[in-house]
Amino acid sequence: MKKKLFIDFDGVLNPYDNWQSNSDRFKPLPGTKEFLKKLGENYEIYVFTTKDKEEVYKWLIRYFLDDYIRDVTNQKESADLYIKDRVIKFGL
């Protein structure tokens, strides 16, 4: 059974620039397809975003990335791994 991974949409799959609604403005970051393909070998991948789910799916399809994604959601669930663009670490 594959592990569960949540990956942030903005800033991880695309160059986040305060996207409001027009997904045509953003292309995937270089290497995104290869990154998702490699992750998909061991993880079930969920895209986490507060953006409109349908718009994100259209974006994934447009760039041939949808085959690597299990679902798009705005619900944080327990997972084996989260990949985000902004993280604050407390203590070490």
C-alpha atoms as a PDB file:
ATOM      1  CA  MET A   1       0.000   0.000   0.000  1.00  0.00           C
ATOM      2  CA  LYS A   2       1.301   3.441  -0.943  1.00  0.00           C
ATOM      3  CA  LYS A   3       1.801   6.150   1.642  1.00  0.00           C
ATOM      4  CA  LYS A   4      -0.354   9.287   1.563  1.00  0.00           C
ATOM      5  CA  LEU A   5       1.230  12.599   0.501  1.00  0.00           C
ATOM      6  CA  PHE A   6      -0.305  16.060   0.387  1.00  0.00           C
ATOM      7  CA  ILE A   7       1.397  18.585  -1.869  1.00  0.00           C
ATOM      8  CA  ASP A   8       0.678  22.301  -1.888  1.00  0.00           C
ATOM      9  CA  PHE A   9      -0.508  23.690  -5.211  1.00  0.00           C
ATOM     10  CA  ASP A  10       0.759  27.274  -5.041  1.00  0.00           C
ATOM     11  CA  GLY A  11       4.504  27.643  -4.761  1.00  0.00           C
ATOM     12  CA  VAL A  12       5.220  23.931  -5.171  1.00  0.00           C
ATOM     13  CA  LEU A  13       3.571  22.946  -8.454  1.00  0.00           C
ATOM     14  CA  ASN A  14       3.435  26.484  -9.857  1.00  0.00           C
ATOM     15  CA  PRO A  15       5.221  29.797  -9.211  1.00  0.00           C
ATOM     16  CA  TYR A  16       2.834  31.327  -6.666  1.00  0.00           C
ATOM     17  CA  ASP A  17       2.064  34.967  -7.355  1.00  0.00           C
ATOM     18  CA  ASN A  18      -1.146  35.633  -5.430  1.00  0.00           C
ATOM     19  CA  TRP A  19      -3.255  33.752  -7.987  1.00  0.00           C
ATOM     20  CA  GLN A  20      -6.806  34.995  -7.749  1.00  0.00           C
ATOM     21  CA  SER A  21      -8.640  33.047 -10.447  1.00  0.00           C
ATOM     22  CA  ASN A  22      -6.922  32.879 -13.845  1.00  0.00           C
ATOM     23  CA  SER A  23      -4.994  29.605 -13.906  1.00  0.00           C
ATOM     24  CA  ASP A  24      -3.831  30.291 -17.481  1.00  0.00           C
ATOM     25  CA  ARG A  25      -1.196  32.644 -16.049  1.00  0.00           C
ATOM     26  CA  PHE A  26       0.731  29.889 -14.306  1.00  0.00           C
ATOM     27  CA  LYS A  27       2.725  27.134 -15.907  1.00  0.00           C
ATOM     28  CA  PRO A  28       4.159  24.305 -13.810  1.00  0.00           C
ATOM     29  CA  LEU A  29       7.561  24.873 -12.288  1.00  0.00           C
ATOM     30  CA  PRO A  30      10.370  23.206 -14.263  1.00  0.00           C
ATOM     31  CA  GLY A  31      10.626  19.494 -13.430  1.00  0.00           C
ATOM     32  CA  THR A  32       7.113  19.250 -11.949  1.00  0.00           C
ATOM     33  CA  LYS A  33       6.026  16.295 -14.087  1.00  0.00           C
ATOM     34  CA  GLU A  34       9.166  14.295 -13.305  1.00  0.00           C
ATOM     35  CA  PHE A  35       8.852  15.208  -9.613  1.00  0.00           C
ATOM     36  CA  LEU A  36       5.248  13.950  -9.432  1.00  0.00           C
ATOM     37  CA  LYS A  37       6.069  10.830 -11.416  1.00  0.00           C
ATOM     38  CA  LYS A  38       8.878   9.927  -9.014  1.00  0.00           C
ATOM     39  CA  LEU A  39       6.775  10.671  -5.928  1.00  0.00           C
ATOM     40  CA  GLY A  40       3.939   8.588  -7.383  1.00  0.00           C
ATOM     41  CA  GLU A  41       6.100   5.471  -7.234  1.00  0.00           C
ATOM     42  CA  ASN A  42       5.766   5.414  -3.441  1.00  0.00           C
ATOM     43  CA  TYR A  43       2.986   7.861  -2.593  1.00  0.00           C
ATOM     44  CA  GLU A  44      -0.670   8.441  -3.305  1.00  0.00           C
ATOM     45  CA  ILE A  45      -0.590  12.177  -4.127  1.00  0.00           C
ATOM     46  CA  TYR A  46      -3.260  14.680  -3.084  1.00  0.00           C
ATOM     47  CA  VAL A  47      -3.072  18.339  -4.075  1.00  0.00           C
ATOM     48  CA  PHE A  48      -3.949  20.618  -1.181  1.00  0.00           C
ATOM     49  CA  THR A  49      -5.263  24.073  -2.074  1.00  0.00           C
ATOM     50  CA  THR A  50      -7.862  26.655  -1.157  1.00  0.00           C
ATOM     51  CA  LYS A  51      -8.314  27.416  -4.851  1.00  0.00           C
ATOM     52  CA  ASP A  52     -11.360  26.244  -6.796  1.00  0.00           C
ATOM     53  CA  LYS A  53     -11.061  22.468  -7.180  1.00  0.00           C
ATOM     54  CA  GLU A  54     -12.398  22.458 -10.762  1.00  0.00           C
ATOM     55  CA  GLU A  55      -9.921  25.148 -11.859  1.00  0.00           C
ATOM     56  CA  VAL A  56      -7.032  23.208 -10.335  1.00  0.00           C
ATOM     57  CA  TYR A  57      -8.144  19.993 -12.088  1.00  0.00           C
ATOM     58  CA  LYS A  58      -8.329  21.879 -15.401  1.00  0.00           C
ATOM     59  CA  TRP A  59      -4.800  23.159 -14.800  1.00  0.00           C
ATOM     60  CA  LEU A  60      -3.523  19.654 -14.011  1.00  0.00           C
ATOM     61  CA  ILE A  61      -5.159  18.257 -17.158  1.00  0.00           C
ATOM     62  CA  ARG A  62      -3.837  21.123 -19.327  1.00  0.00           C
ATOM     63  CA  TYR A  63      -0.275  20.266 -18.319  1.00  0.00           C
ATOM     64  CA  PHE A  64      -0.718  16.463 -18.329  1.00  0.00           C
ATOM     65  CA  LEU A  65      -0.206  16.154 -14.574  1.00  0.00           C
ATOM     66  CA  ASP A  66      -3.596  14.718 -13.625  1.00  0.00           C
ATOM     67  CA  ASP A  67      -2.462  11.080 -13.984  1.00  0.00           C
ATOM     68  CA  TYR A  68      -0.227  11.502 -10.940  1.00  0.00           C
ATOM     69  CA  ILE A  69      -2.864  13.034  -8.659  1.00  0.00           C
ATOM     70  CA  ARG A  70      -5.378  11.036  -6.609  1.00  0.00           C
ATOM     71  CA  ASP A  71      -7.501  14.064  -5.680  1.00  0.00           C
ATOM     72  CA  VAL A  72      -7.569  17.823  -5.140  1.00  0.00           C
ATOM     73  CA  THR A  73      -8.810  18.947  -1.749  1.00  0.00           C
ATOM     74  CA  ASN A  74      -8.961  21.807   0.729  1.00  0.00           C
ATOM     75  CA  GLN A  75      -9.236  19.392   3.670  1.00  0.00           C
ATOM     76  CA  LYS A  76      -6.117  18.703   5.711  1.00  0.00           C
ATOM     77  CA  GLU A  77      -6.020  15.070   6.638  1.00  0.00           C
ATOM     78  CA  SER A  78      -3.462  12.896   8.280  1.00  0.00           C
ATOM     79  CA  ALA A  79      -0.736  11.971   5.868  1.00  0.00           C
ATOM     80  CA  ASP A  80       2.722  10.462   5.812  1.00  0.00           C
ATOM     81  CA  LEU A  81       4.182  13.573   4.214  1.00  0.00           C
ATOM     82  CA  TYR A  82       3.260  17.176   3.438  1.00  0.00           C
ATOM     83  CA  ILE A  83       5.174  19.213   0.862  1.00  0.00           C
ATOM     84  CA  LYS A  84       4.634  22.968   1.214  1.00  0.00           C
ATOM     85  CA  ASP A  85       6.348  26.114   0.030  1.00  0.00           C
ATOM     86  CA  ARG A  86       6.135  28.013   3.309  1.00  0.00           C
ATOM     87  CA  VAL A  87       7.165  26.459   6.563  1.00  0.00           C
ATOM     88  CA  ILE A  88       8.121  27.921   9.897  1.00  0.00           C
ATOM     89  CA  LYS A  89      10.112  25.575  12.084  1.00  0.00           C
ATOM     90  CA  PHE A  90       9.977  26.008  15.829  1.00  0.00           C
ATOM     91  CA  GLY A  91      12.903  24.763  17.869  1.00  0.00           C
ATOM     92  CA  LEU A  92      15.343  22.146  16.685  1.00  0.00           C
END
